[in-house]
Each structure stands twice: as C-alpha cells, then as structure tokens.
C-alpha cells in the first residue's frame, strides 16, 4: 500500500494549471482590447507619438506588453487604432458632409469638424493626432491616411472645379488651424468662444475655399 503525503491529501490546495501562451481566453479578451485603446489614447494625447511606448500603454492599461502586440501589432498600428474612433463619422460610406446641397457643404464640413473636437469621446484621439503628427512622420502618415484618404478626396470628388483637391486641402487647413488655436494652444478668446459662433463665422470661409470660382 502506497503512503499518502500531506501535500496530496484531500484537503491539499489544488495546483493552478500553467498559463498557456498564445491567444488570451475569451473571458479575458472581452474588455482588454478596449482598455488598451483607452490607455493608448490617453498616452498619445498627453505624450505624443514619440514619447509614448508600448510598455507605457500596457502599464496604463494594467496588462502585459505582449497583449498590446497581440491585439494591435506595432506602435504605429496601436496609434492608428486608437485615433480611428475620432474619424468614425468620416469613415462611414455616406457621411453628413457629403449628404446635402453643394452650396452648404462648407457649413456641414465645419460643423462636423468642430463637433468632433467638442465631443469628449473624440477630443482625446484628435489631440493625440495633432500633437503627434507635427513631430513625427509616422503619425503624420496615419493622419494623412485618415483625413486625406477618407474625407478630403470624397469632398474633392463632389466639386466641379479643376483644382478640387487643393480646395479641399485649403478648407481642411482652415479648420485644422482653428482647432490648433482653440483646443491645443487654447488661445483666448477663441478657446472660450461659443461653438455655434465659430461655425457661423468660419463656415462661409470654408465654403469659399470649396466652391467659389
């Protein structure tokens, strides 16, 4: 008869199974991806692309760095996924900018961009984009893909003018400049001005960039 040691008796604590490498279990992955994205938006918006690291994002999200790579890959891919939420209205097949009369496209474009900046949900990823793109070519490339590829080319395609892409970019430059002063630099009195007042003053200028002959 074989003796029984204290460690393998009926009251002995069960040995936890070894954690297998590879994909995380579904119960773990349900909220982990969103938590990583939230942490990435905050890190990029505060530190910019250059000073943000995958390790820092992982620490902020309370996960291992390997999980960040598992869900997103490189830092560039994390950045693009983190800021893409800000352009969700733009990335739809039809959006409010293109849906309506051409002589009102300036107001629709201005209202959409100001609305994105005014929303707490999209402001952090937009800050991440602006602060990162001015100092880093990789971040600037992501910005170009999201803005130029998804919004400006669509708007230019609606314009019956030979320099449509230049016009769309001039309109975007007008709005990006205002966003920089109001939301990033926070220069007064623009930083505290009513959003509707800004839209009312800027929209005619954007409209002229797009359609005035």
C-alpha atoms as a PDB file:
ATOM      1  CA  UNK A   1       0.000   0.000   0.000  1.00  0.00           C
ATOM      2  CA  UNK A   2       1.435   3.325  -1.038  1.00  0.00           C
ATOM      3  CA  UNK A   3       1.570   6.070   1.605  1.00  0.00           C
ATOM      4  CA  UNK A   4      -0.173   9.419   1.140  1.00  0.00           C
ATOM      5  CA  UNK A   5       1.802  12.583   1.803  1.00  0.00           C
ATOM      6  CA  UNK A   6       0.294  15.720   3.340  1.00  0.00           C
ATOM      7  CA  UNK A   7       0.600  17.570   0.063  1.00  0.00           C
ATOM      8  CA  UNK A   8      -1.663  15.232  -1.897  1.00  0.00           C
ATOM      9  CA  UNK A   9      -4.338  14.559   0.712  1.00  0.00           C
ATOM     10  CA  UNK A  10      -7.984  15.507   0.264  1.00  0.00           C
ATOM     11  CA  UNK A  11      -7.526  18.910   1.952  1.00  0.00           C
ATOM     12  CA  UNK A  12      -4.438  19.907  -0.003  1.00  0.00           C
ATOM     13  CA  UNK A  13      -4.788  23.073  -2.134  1.00  0.00           C
ATOM     14  CA  UNK A  14      -5.259  22.435  -5.844  1.00  0.00           C
ATOM     15  CA  UNK A  15      -2.326  23.283  -8.059  1.00  0.00           C
ATOM     16  CA  UNK A  16      -3.216  26.076 -10.532  1.00  0.00           C
ATOM     17  CA  UNK A  17      -2.851  24.968 -14.152  1.00  0.00           C
ATOM     18  CA  UNK A  18       0.028  26.540 -16.031  1.00  0.00           C
ATOM     19  CA  UNK A  19      -0.948  29.541 -18.188  1.00  0.00           C
ATOM     20  CA  UNK A  20      -0.613  28.615 -21.839  1.00  0.00           C
ATOM     21  CA  UNK A  21       0.941  31.036 -24.275  1.00  0.00           C
ATOM     22  CA  UNK A  22      -0.941  32.253 -27.307  1.00  0.00           C
ATOM     23  CA  UNK A  23      -4.364  33.833 -27.621  1.00  0.00           C
ATOM     24  CA  UNK A  24      -5.944  35.045 -24.361  1.00  0.00           C
ATOM     25  CA  UNK A  25      -9.166  33.305 -23.309  1.00  0.00           C
ATOM     26  CA  UNK A  26     -12.412  34.909 -24.476  1.00  0.00           C
ATOM     27  CA  UNK A  27     -13.391  35.930 -20.966  1.00  0.00           C
ATOM     28  CA  UNK A  28     -10.146  37.895 -20.696  1.00  0.00           C
ATOM     29  CA  UNK A  29     -10.270  39.432 -24.179  1.00  0.00           C
ATOM     30  CA  UNK A  30     -13.804  40.847 -23.863  1.00  0.00           C
ATOM     31  CA  UNK A  31     -12.755  44.169 -22.325  1.00  0.00           C
ATOM     32  CA  UNK A  32      -8.982  44.034 -22.653  1.00  0.00           C
ATOM     33  CA  UNK A  33      -8.826  45.451 -26.171  1.00  0.00           C
ATOM     34  CA  UNK A  34     -10.977  48.447 -25.254  1.00  0.00           C
ATOM     35  CA  UNK A  35      -8.950  49.045 -22.108  1.00  0.00           C
ATOM     36  CA  UNK A  36      -5.741  49.080 -24.136  1.00  0.00           C
ATOM     37  CA  UNK A  37      -7.253  51.526 -26.646  1.00  0.00           C
ATOM     38  CA  UNK A  38      -8.418  53.858 -23.865  1.00  0.00           C
ATOM     39  CA  UNK A  39      -4.954  53.805 -22.327  1.00  0.00           C
ATOM     40  CA  UNK A  40      -3.318  54.374 -25.729  1.00  0.00           C
ATOM     41  CA  UNK A  41      -5.500  57.418 -26.474  1.00  0.00           C
ATOM     42  CA  UNK A  42      -4.597  58.955 -23.146  1.00  0.00           C
ATOM     43  CA  UNK A  43      -0.881  58.233 -23.515  1.00  0.00           C
ATOM     44  CA  UNK A  44      -0.698  59.545 -27.096  1.00  0.00           C
ATOM     45  CA  UNK A  45      -2.762  62.662 -26.311  1.00  0.00           C
ATOM     46  CA  UNK A  46      -0.556  63.552 -23.322  1.00  0.00           C
ATOM     47  CA  UNK A  47       2.871  62.474 -24.555  1.00  0.00           C
ATOM     48  CA  UNK A  48       2.602  62.460 -28.334  1.00  0.00           C
ATOM     49  CA  UNK A  49       3.751  59.643 -30.591  1.00  0.00           C
ATOM     50  CA  UNK A  50       7.496  59.944 -29.965  1.00  0.00           C
ATOM     51  CA  UNK A  51       7.373  59.719 -26.165  1.00  0.00           C
ATOM     52  CA  UNK A  52       4.682  57.049 -25.973  1.00  0.00           C
ATOM     53  CA  UNK A  53       5.821  53.429 -25.732  1.00  0.00           C
ATOM     54  CA  UNK A  54       4.006  50.117 -25.964  1.00  0.00           C
ATOM     55  CA  UNK A  55       5.294  49.354 -22.477  1.00  0.00           C
ATOM     56  CA  UNK A  56       3.798  52.607 -21.172  1.00  0.00           C
ATOM     57  CA  UNK A  57       0.447  51.837 -22.800  1.00  0.00           C
ATOM     58  CA  UNK A  58       0.486  48.352 -21.301  1.00  0.00           C
ATOM     59  CA  UNK A  59       1.296  49.691 -17.839  1.00  0.00           C
ATOM     60  CA  UNK A  60      -1.508  52.263 -18.057  1.00  0.00           C
ATOM     61  CA  UNK A  61      -3.960  49.548 -19.180  1.00  0.00           C
ATOM     62  CA  UNK A  62      -2.801  47.113 -16.498  1.00  0.00           C
ATOM     63  CA  UNK A  63      -1.754  44.428 -18.960  1.00  0.00           C
ATOM     64  CA  UNK A  64       1.437  42.834 -20.246  1.00  0.00           C
ATOM     65  CA  UNK A  65       3.167  44.420 -23.239  1.00  0.00           C
ATOM     66  CA  UNK A  66       2.738  41.147 -25.134  1.00  0.00           C
ATOM     67  CA  UNK A  67      -1.034  41.623 -25.058  1.00  0.00           C
ATOM     68  CA  UNK A  68      -0.717  45.032 -26.726  1.00  0.00           C
ATOM     69  CA  UNK A  69       1.307  43.440 -29.521  1.00  0.00           C
ATOM     70  CA  UNK A  70      -1.153  40.542 -29.682  1.00  0.00           C
ATOM     71  CA  UNK A  71      -4.163  42.771 -30.296  1.00  0.00           C
ATOM     72  CA  UNK A  72      -2.581  45.529 -32.405  1.00  0.00           C
ATOM     73  CA  UNK A  73       0.954  44.722 -33.528  1.00  0.00           C
ATOM     74  CA  UNK A  74       3.360  47.657 -33.781  1.00  0.00           C
ATOM     75  CA  UNK A  75       3.144  51.030 -32.035  1.00  0.00           C
ATOM     76  CA  UNK A  76       2.036  52.577 -35.339  1.00  0.00           C
ATOM     77  CA  UNK A  77      -0.861  50.128 -35.535  1.00  0.00           C
ATOM     78  CA  UNK A  78      -1.823  50.872 -31.925  1.00  0.00           C
ATOM     79  CA  UNK A  79      -1.785  54.585 -32.738  1.00  0.00           C
ATOM     80  CA  UNK A  80      -3.962  54.193 -35.815  1.00  0.00           C
ATOM     81  CA  UNK A  81      -6.488  52.035 -33.958  1.00  0.00           C
ATOM     82  CA  UNK A  82      -6.537  54.462 -31.029  1.00  0.00           C
ATOM     83  CA  UNK A  83      -7.254  57.560 -33.120  1.00  0.00           C
ATOM     84  CA  UNK A  84      -9.533  55.957 -35.688  1.00  0.00           C
ATOM     85  CA  UNK A  85     -12.534  56.409 -33.384  1.00  0.00           C
ATOM     86  CA  UNK A  86     -12.312  60.165 -33.947  1.00  0.00           C
ATOM     87  CA  UNK A  87     -12.932  59.633 -37.652  1.00  0.00           C
ATOM     88  CA  UNK A  88     -15.787  57.170 -37.352  1.00  0.00           C
ATOM     89  CA  UNK A  89     -18.288  59.694 -38.840  1.00  0.00           C
ATOM     90  CA  UNK A  90     -15.877  60.270 -41.726  1.00  0.00           C
ATOM     91  CA  UNK A  91     -15.177  56.602 -42.376  1.00  0.00           C
ATOM     92  CA  UNK A  92     -18.817  55.716 -42.965  1.00  0.00           C
ATOM     93  CA  UNK A  93     -19.796  55.086 -46.578  1.00  0.00           C
ATOM     94  CA  UNK A  94     -22.014  58.179 -46.535  1.00  0.00           C
ATOM     95  CA  UNK A  95     -21.470  60.940 -44.035  1.00  0.00           C
ATOM     96  CA  UNK A  96     -23.173  64.228 -43.256  1.00  0.00           C
ATOM     97  CA  UNK A  97     -20.574  66.289 -45.125  1.00  0.00           C
ATOM     98  CA  UNK A  98     -21.370  64.714 -48.491  1.00  0.00           C
ATOM     99  CA  UNK A  99     -25.091  64.264 -47.903  1.00  0.00           C
ATOM    100  CA  UNK A 100     -26.721  67.536 -48.956  1.00  0.00           C
ATOM    101  CA  UNK A 101     -26.591  70.534 -51.330  1.00  0.00           C
ATOM    102  CA  UNK A 102     -23.142  71.569 -52.524  1.00  0.00           C
ATOM    103  CA  UNK A 103     -23.752  75.217 -51.620  1.00  0.00           C
ATOM    104  CA  UNK A 104     -23.988  74.169 -47.947  1.00  0.00           C
ATOM    105  CA  UNK A 105     -21.010  71.809 -47.850  1.00  0.00           C
ATOM    106  CA  UNK A 106     -18.850  74.408 -46.075  1.00  0.00           C
ATOM    107  CA  UNK A 107     -21.190  74.582 -43.109  1.00  0.00           C
ATOM    108  CA  UNK A 108     -21.563  70.799 -42.951  1.00  0.00           C
ATOM    109  CA  UNK A 109     -17.804  70.280 -43.037  1.00  0.00           C
ATOM    110  CA  UNK A 110     -17.192  72.976 -40.405  1.00  0.00           C
ATOM    111  CA  UNK A 111     -19.960  71.683 -38.161  1.00  0.00           C
ATOM    112  CA  UNK A 112     -18.661  68.120 -38.339  1.00  0.00           C
ATOM    113  CA  UNK A 113     -15.034  69.025 -37.513  1.00  0.00           C
ATOM    114  CA  UNK A 114     -15.989  71.396 -34.681  1.00  0.00           C
ATOM    115  CA  UNK A 115     -18.398  68.762 -33.384  1.00  0.00           C
ATOM    116  CA  UNK A 116     -15.648  66.142 -33.279  1.00  0.00           C
ATOM    117  CA  UNK A 117     -13.457  68.480 -31.235  1.00  0.00           C
ATOM    118  CA  UNK A 118     -16.298  69.446 -28.912  1.00  0.00           C
ATOM    119  CA  UNK A 119     -17.143  65.821 -28.089  1.00  0.00           C
ATOM    120  CA  UNK A 120     -15.279  64.401 -25.055  1.00  0.00           C
ATOM    121  CA  UNK A 121     -15.255  60.994 -26.790  1.00  0.00           C
ATOM    122  CA  UNK A 122     -13.323  62.150 -29.852  1.00  0.00           C
ATOM    123  CA  UNK A 123     -11.304  65.059 -28.427  1.00  0.00           C
ATOM    124  CA  UNK A 124      -8.591  62.867 -26.834  1.00  0.00           C
ATOM    125  CA  UNK A 125      -7.782  60.931 -30.029  1.00  0.00           C
ATOM    126  CA  UNK A 126      -7.798  64.193 -32.005  1.00  0.00           C
ATOM    127  CA  UNK A 127      -5.347  65.728 -29.557  1.00  0.00           C
ATOM    128  CA  UNK A 128      -3.215  62.604 -29.939  1.00  0.00           C
ATOM    129  CA  UNK A 129      -3.227  63.027 -33.718  1.00  0.00           C
ATOM    130  CA  UNK A 130      -2.372  66.724 -33.754  1.00  0.00           C
ATOM    131  CA  UNK A 131       0.328  66.588 -31.078  1.00  0.00           C
ATOM    132  CA  UNK A 132       1.919  63.539 -32.663  1.00  0.00           C
ATOM    133  CA  UNK A 133       1.641  64.428 -36.352  1.00  0.00           C
ATOM    134  CA  UNK A 134       3.501  67.727 -36.042  1.00  0.00           C
ATOM    135  CA  UNK A 135       6.591  65.975 -34.666  1.00  0.00           C
ATOM    136  CA  UNK A 136       6.585  62.500 -36.166  1.00  0.00           C
ATOM    137  CA  UNK A 137       6.368  61.378 -39.782  1.00  0.00           C
ATOM    138  CA  UNK A 138       4.794  58.015 -38.911  1.00  0.00           C
ATOM    139  CA  UNK A 139       1.985  59.742 -37.023  1.00  0.00           C
ATOM    140  CA  UNK A 140       1.664  62.276 -39.834  1.00  0.00           C
ATOM    141  CA  UNK A 141       1.256  59.403 -42.284  1.00  0.00           C
ATOM    142  CA  UNK A 142      -1.603  57.979 -40.222  1.00  0.00           C
ATOM    143  CA  UNK A 143      -3.216  61.436 -40.193  1.00  0.00           C
ATOM    144  CA  UNK A 144      -2.915  61.692 -43.972  1.00  0.00           C
ATOM    145  CA  UNK A 145      -4.459  58.261 -44.497  1.00  0.00           C
ATOM    146  CA  UNK A 146      -7.419  59.013 -42.269  1.00  0.00           C
ATOM    147  CA  UNK A 147      -8.082  62.612 -43.301  1.00  0.00           C
ATOM    148  CA  UNK A 148      -6.864  62.880 -46.879  1.00  0.00           C
ATOM    149  CA  UNK A 149      -7.820  59.380 -47.931  1.00  0.00           C
ATOM    150  CA  UNK A 150     -11.195  59.161 -46.249  1.00  0.00           C
ATOM    151  CA  UNK A 151     -12.560  62.722 -46.176  1.00  0.00           C
ATOM    152  CA  UNK A 152     -10.809  65.203 -48.441  1.00  0.00           C
ATOM    153  CA  UNK A 153     -10.799  63.015 -51.552  1.00  0.00           C
ATOM    154  CA  UNK A 154     -14.501  62.366 -51.140  1.00  0.00           C
ATOM    155  CA  UNK A 155     -15.235  66.064 -50.834  1.00  0.00           C
ATOM    156  CA  UNK A 156     -12.977  66.877 -53.781  1.00  0.00           C
ATOM    157  CA  UNK A 157     -14.834  64.291 -55.828  1.00  0.00           C
ATOM    158  CA  UNK A 158     -18.050  66.255 -55.340  1.00  0.00           C
ATOM    159  CA  UNK A 159     -16.590  69.563 -56.569  1.00  0.00           C
ATOM    160  CA  UNK A 160     -16.955  70.560 -60.220  1.00  0.00           C
ATOM    161  CA  UNK A 161     -13.682  72.519 -60.363  1.00  0.00           C
ATOM    162  CA  UNK A 162     -10.250  71.660 -61.818  1.00  0.00           C
ATOM    163  CA  UNK A 163      -8.343  72.254 -58.544  1.00  0.00           C
ATOM    164  CA  UNK A 164     -10.733  70.329 -56.321  1.00  0.00           C
ATOM    165  CA  UNK A 165      -8.097  68.570 -54.187  1.00  0.00           C
ATOM    166  CA  UNK A 166      -6.265  71.840 -53.479  1.00  0.00           C
ATOM    167  CA  UNK A 167      -9.554  73.469 -52.482  1.00  0.00           C
ATOM    168  CA  UNK A 168     -10.423  70.624 -50.131  1.00  0.00           C
ATOM    169  CA  UNK A 169      -6.987  70.836 -48.507  1.00  0.00           C
ATOM    170  CA  UNK A 170      -7.271  74.622 -48.078  1.00  0.00           C
ATOM    171  CA  UNK A 171     -10.631  74.135 -46.368  1.00  0.00           C
ATOM    172  CA  UNK A 172      -9.108  71.490 -44.097  1.00  0.00           C
ATOM    173  CA  UNK A 173      -6.152  73.770 -43.304  1.00  0.00           C
ATOM    174  CA  UNK A 174      -8.582  76.469 -42.195  1.00  0.00           C
ATOM    175  CA  UNK A 175     -10.272  74.070 -39.780  1.00  0.00           C
ATOM    176  CA  UNK A 176      -7.078  72.430 -38.509  1.00  0.00           C
ATOM    177  CA  UNK A 177      -5.620  75.876 -37.752  1.00  0.00           C
ATOM    178  CA  UNK A 178      -8.674  76.835 -35.747  1.00  0.00           C
ATOM    179  CA  UNK A 179      -8.566  73.525 -33.889  1.00  0.00           C
ATOM    180  CA  UNK A 180      -4.897  74.064 -33.004  1.00  0.00           C
ATOM    181  CA  UNK A 181      -5.542  77.528 -31.540  1.00  0.00           C
ATOM    182  CA  UNK A 182      -8.813  76.661 -29.769  1.00  0.00           C
ATOM    183  CA  UNK A 183      -8.195  73.142 -28.441  1.00  0.00           C
ATOM    184  CA  UNK A 184      -4.415  72.643 -28.335  1.00  0.00           C
ATOM    185  CA  UNK A 185      -2.877  76.077 -27.673  1.00  0.00           C
ATOM    186  CA  UNK A 186      -6.127  77.292 -26.033  1.00  0.00           C
ATOM    187  CA  UNK A 187      -5.643  80.906 -27.021  1.00  0.00           C
ATOM    188  CA  UNK A 188      -8.300  83.306 -25.785  1.00  0.00           C
ATOM    189  CA  UNK A 189     -10.846  84.495 -26.730  1.00  0.00           C
ATOM    190  CA  UNK A 190     -11.151  81.718 -29.334  1.00  0.00           C
ATOM    191  CA  UNK A 191     -10.735  78.980 -26.712  1.00  0.00           C
ATOM    192  CA  UNK A 192     -13.829  80.140 -24.826  1.00  0.00           C
ATOM    193  CA  UNK A 193     -15.949  81.271 -27.760  1.00  0.00           C
ATOM    194  CA  UNK A 194     -19.299  79.605 -28.350  1.00  0.00           C
ATOM    195  CA  UNK A 195     -19.049  76.729 -30.838  1.00  0.00           C
ATOM    196  CA  UNK A 196     -22.027  77.978 -32.863  1.00  0.00           C
ATOM    197  CA  UNK A 197     -20.410  81.411 -33.166  1.00  0.00           C
ATOM    198  CA  UNK A 198     -17.250  79.796 -34.529  1.00  0.00           C
ATOM    199  CA  UNK A 199     -19.227  77.712 -37.025  1.00  0.00           C
ATOM    200  CA  UNK A 200     -21.170  80.768 -38.179  1.00  0.00           C
ATOM    201  CA  UNK A 201     -18.014  82.771 -38.861  1.00  0.00           C
ATOM    202  CA  UNK A 202     -15.822  80.037 -40.301  1.00  0.00           C
ATOM    203  CA  UNK A 203     -18.297  78.105 -42.471  1.00  0.00           C
ATOM    204  CA  UNK A 204     -18.586  80.847 -45.166  1.00  0.00           C
ATOM    205  CA  UNK A 205     -14.777  80.919 -45.481  1.00  0.00           C
ATOM    206  CA  UNK A 206     -14.648  77.128 -45.865  1.00  0.00           C
ATOM    207  CA  UNK A 207     -17.455  77.337 -48.437  1.00  0.00           C
ATOM    208  CA  UNK A 208     -15.486  79.884 -50.486  1.00  0.00           C
ATOM    209  CA  UNK A 209     -12.424  77.647 -50.433  1.00  0.00           C
ATOM    210  CA  UNK A 210     -14.509  74.758 -51.792  1.00  0.00           C
ATOM    211  CA  UNK A 211     -16.836  76.294 -54.377  1.00  0.00           C
ATOM    212  CA  UNK A 212     -16.144  79.966 -55.152  1.00  0.00           C
ATOM    213  CA  UNK A 213     -14.906  80.438 -58.708  1.00  0.00           C
END
